[in-house]
Amino acid sequence: MRVIAGEAHGRRLVAPRGFSTRPATARVRASIFSRLASRLNFSEARVLDIFAGSGSLGLEALSRGAVAAVFVDSSRIATATITRNLWELGFADRARVLQLDFRHALADLAARGESFEIVFVDAPYARDTSAEVLAVLTQLGLIAVGGYVVIRQFHRAPALEVAGLECASEATLGDHRIALYRRL
């Protein structure tokens, strides 16, 4: 797996071994980032990558110029992998890695008064908590005005609706549904 664009273009990413994570393929990342690039400027974006796994989505955003990123995953192996990728790509000074359940991480970020222009939510398919995450993000004010939340789900999962967000784009790629929600 490699970074597909930006300052780290072509550089390798390490992914946790086993089946506990599903790193976003180059095709999925290209689709996500082409949709985002037409809507916002990465050079001013703060990024939150929830259920980060290898960190491929947040790392791609950093490579494209995002000013800062926070990676959240409850797995020690995943957070160690993300930290390694950050150091190897030279992005460690622009990022934080939180090894916490998403509920605790989001509460901590809200308590610090943080908000993000881009939020990636890539919940495990077997226990899809995307709707809960989206609701918590909006309740805690973690999405900046005009910011986007990218949800990656199994293509047969029900579409999400949350007050204060509009679905800006939705696409199916193989067995993935990628939806972009914009905060109004």
Protein backbone atom coordinates (compact mmCIF):
# COMPACT_ATOMS: atom_id res chain seq x y z
CA MET A 1 0.00 0.00 0.00
CA ARG A 2 1.34 3.43 -0.98
CA VAL A 3 0.41 7.10 -0.59
CA ILE A 4 -1.24 8.10 -3.87
CA ALA A 5 -0.61 11.87 -4.04
CA GLY A 6 1.05 14.86 -2.44
CA GLU A 7 4.38 15.29 -0.70
CA ALA A 8 4.67 11.58 0.24
CA HIS A 9 3.44 10.34 -3.17
CA GLY A 10 4.53 6.77 -3.82
CA ARG A 11 5.87 6.15 -0.31
CA ARG A 12 4.97 2.82 1.31
CA LEU A 13 2.57 2.50 4.20
CA VAL A 14 2.65 -0.33 6.70
CA ALA A 15 -0.67 -1.97 7.66
CA PRO A 16 -1.41 -4.06 10.75
CA ARG A 17 -1.20 -7.77 10.00
CA GLY A 18 -4.27 -9.98 10.14
CA PHE A 19 -7.91 -9.38 9.44
CA SER A 20 -8.67 -6.88 12.20
CA THR A 21 -8.29 -3.90 9.82
CA ARG A 22 -9.34 -3.17 6.22
CA PRO A 23 -6.96 -0.55 4.85
CA ALA A 24 -8.61 1.59 2.18
CA THR A 25 -7.37 0.53 -1.24
CA ALA A 26 -5.79 3.02 -3.63
CA ARG A 27 -9.02 2.99 -5.66
CA VAL A 28 -11.15 3.84 -2.62
CA ARG A 29 -8.73 6.55 -1.44
CA ALA A 30 -8.56 8.05 -4.94
CA SER A 31 -12.36 8.21 -5.08
CA ILE A 32 -12.62 9.80 -1.64
CA PHE A 33 -9.92 12.39 -2.25
CA SER A 34 -11.12 13.39 -5.71
CA ARG A 35 -14.55 14.11 -4.19
CA LEU A 36 -13.00 16.09 -1.32
CA ALA A 37 -10.53 18.02 -3.53
CA SER A 38 -13.37 19.54 -5.51
CA ARG A 39 -14.99 20.78 -2.30
CA LEU A 40 -12.24 22.05 0.04
CA ASN A 41 -8.66 23.18 0.40
CA PHE A 42 -6.49 20.57 2.13
CA SER A 43 -3.86 23.14 3.14
CA GLU A 44 -6.22 24.58 5.75
CA ALA A 45 -7.75 21.31 6.91
CA ARG A 46 -7.55 19.68 10.30
CA VAL A 47 -8.29 15.96 10.01
CA LEU A 48 -9.80 13.37 12.36
CA ASP A 49 -9.38 9.71 11.34
CA ILE A 50 -11.63 7.45 13.48
CA PHE A 51 -11.11 3.64 13.40
CA ALA A 52 -7.87 4.61 11.69
CA GLY A 53 -6.30 1.13 11.31
CA SER A 54 -3.17 1.83 9.26
CA GLY A 55 -3.96 5.55 9.13
CA SER A 56 -4.07 5.51 5.33
CA LEU A 57 -6.85 8.09 5.01
CA GLY A 58 -5.41 10.59 7.48
CA LEU A 59 -1.90 10.06 6.10
CA GLU A 60 -3.17 10.72 2.58
CA ALA A 61 -4.71 13.98 3.81
CA LEU A 62 -1.43 14.99 5.48
CA SER A 63 0.46 14.20 2.28
CA ARG A 64 -1.92 16.51 0.41
CA GLY A 65 -1.20 19.38 2.82
CA ALA A 66 -3.55 19.03 5.79
CA VAL A 67 -2.19 21.11 8.67
CA ALA A 68 -2.85 18.54 11.39
CA ALA A 69 -4.40 15.13 11.99
CA VAL A 70 -5.67 13.13 14.94
CA PHE A 71 -5.82 9.35 14.55
CA VAL A 72 -8.14 7.31 16.79
CA ASP A 73 -8.10 3.54 17.16
CA SER A 74 -8.64 1.28 20.17
CA SER A 75 -6.08 -1.29 19.00
CA ARG A 76 -2.52 -1.08 20.33
CA ILE A 77 -1.23 -2.73 17.14
CA ALA A 78 -3.07 -0.22 14.94
CA THR A 79 -1.85 2.81 16.89
CA ALA A 80 1.74 1.49 16.82
CA THR A 81 1.43 1.05 13.05
CA ILE A 82 0.06 4.58 12.59
CA THR A 83 2.87 6.01 14.72
CA ARG A 84 5.44 4.14 12.62
CA ASN A 85 3.87 5.42 9.38
CA LEU A 86 3.85 8.99 10.70
CA TRP A 87 7.55 8.84 11.60
CA GLU A 88 8.59 7.18 8.34
CA LEU A 89 6.69 9.75 6.25
CA GLY A 90 7.91 12.70 8.33
CA PHE A 91 4.45 13.74 9.55
CA ALA A 92 4.84 12.98 13.28
CA ASP A 93 5.07 16.70 14.16
CA ARG A 94 1.64 17.36 12.57
CA ALA A 95 -0.28 14.49 14.16
CA ARG A 96 -1.50 12.85 17.36
CA VAL A 97 -2.43 9.21 17.83
CA LEU A 98 -5.03 8.30 20.45
CA GLN A 99 -5.39 4.68 21.57
CA LEU A 100 -8.91 4.99 22.91
CA ASP A 101 -12.45 3.85 22.27
CA PHE A 102 -13.98 6.39 19.89
CA ARG A 103 -16.48 7.58 22.54
CA HIS A 104 -13.72 8.55 24.98
CA ALA A 105 -11.57 10.05 22.23
CA LEU A 106 -14.38 12.22 20.89
CA ALA A 107 -15.32 13.39 24.39
CA ASP A 108 -11.66 14.33 25.06
CA LEU A 109 -11.37 16.21 21.75
CA ALA A 110 -14.61 18.11 22.43
CA ALA A 111 -13.43 19.01 25.94
CA ARG A 112 -10.35 20.60 24.32
CA GLY A 113 -12.60 22.64 22.02
CA GLU A 114 -11.30 21.01 18.84
CA SER A 115 -13.09 20.85 15.51
CA PHE A 116 -12.14 19.33 12.17
CA GLU A 117 -12.69 20.18 8.50
CA ILE A 118 -12.38 16.51 7.47
CA VAL A 119 -13.47 13.51 9.51
CA PHE A 120 -13.00 9.94 8.29
CA VAL A 121 -15.22 7.24 9.81
CA ASP A 122 -14.34 3.69 8.78
CA ALA A 123 -16.09 1.56 11.40
CA PRO A 124 -15.76 -2.23 11.36
CA TYR A 125 -18.38 -3.74 9.06
CA ALA A 126 -19.32 -6.47 11.56
CA ARG A 127 -20.28 -3.87 14.19
CA ASP A 128 -21.04 -0.76 12.19
CA THR A 129 -21.26 2.14 14.62
CA SER A 130 -21.17 4.81 11.88
CA ALA A 131 -24.59 6.22 12.81
CA GLU A 132 -23.58 6.54 16.47
CA VAL A 133 -20.25 8.16 15.57
CA LEU A 134 -21.96 10.64 13.25
CA ALA A 135 -24.48 11.56 15.95
CA VAL A 136 -21.74 12.04 18.58
CA LEU A 137 -19.64 14.15 16.18
CA THR A 138 -22.54 16.53 15.60
CA GLN A 139 -23.67 16.62 19.25
CA LEU A 140 -20.16 17.50 20.43
CA GLY A 141 -19.55 20.09 17.69
CA LEU A 142 -16.43 18.34 16.37
CA ILE A 143 -17.21 19.05 12.70
CA ALA A 144 -16.24 22.56 11.62
CA VAL A 145 -18.87 24.62 9.80
CA GLY A 146 -18.61 23.62 6.15
CA GLY A 147 -16.55 20.57 7.13
CA TYR A 148 -17.00 17.07 5.71
CA VAL A 149 -17.44 13.64 7.23
CA VAL A 150 -16.49 10.70 5.01
CA ILE A 151 -18.25 7.46 5.93
CA ARG A 152 -17.05 4.15 4.50
CA GLN A 153 -19.58 1.34 5.04
CA PHE A 154 -20.60 -2.01 3.62
CA HIS A 155 -22.67 -1.23 0.52
CA ARG A 156 -25.80 -2.86 1.99
CA ALA A 157 -25.71 -0.89 5.25
CA PRO A 158 -28.60 1.57 5.63
CA ALA A 159 -27.99 5.15 4.51
CA LEU A 160 -27.44 7.57 7.38
CA GLU A 161 -29.35 10.74 8.17
CA VAL A 162 -28.34 13.19 10.89
CA ALA A 163 -29.76 16.64 11.58
CA GLY A 164 -27.36 19.43 10.67
CA LEU A 165 -25.62 17.40 7.96
CA GLU A 166 -26.42 17.03 4.28
CA CYS A 167 -25.31 14.13 2.11
CA ALA A 168 -23.05 15.84 -0.45
CA SER A 169 -22.02 12.71 -2.36
CA GLU A 170 -22.54 8.99 -2.29
CA ALA A 171 -20.92 6.24 -4.39
CA THR A 172 -20.62 2.48 -4.34
CA LEU A 173 -17.22 0.94 -5.11
CA GLY A 174 -17.29 -2.85 -5.01
CA ASP A 175 -18.64 -3.76 -1.59
CA HIS A 176 -18.03 -0.27 -0.14
CA ARG A 177 -20.38 2.69 0.04
CA ILE A 178 -18.58 5.99 0.38
CA ALA A 179 -20.73 8.89 1.57
CA LEU A 180 -19.67 12.49 2.17
CA TYR A 181 -21.70 14.52 4.65
CA ARG A 182 -21.29 18.29 4.92
CA ARG A 183 -22.00 20.30 8.04
CA LEU A 184 -24.38 23.12 7.26
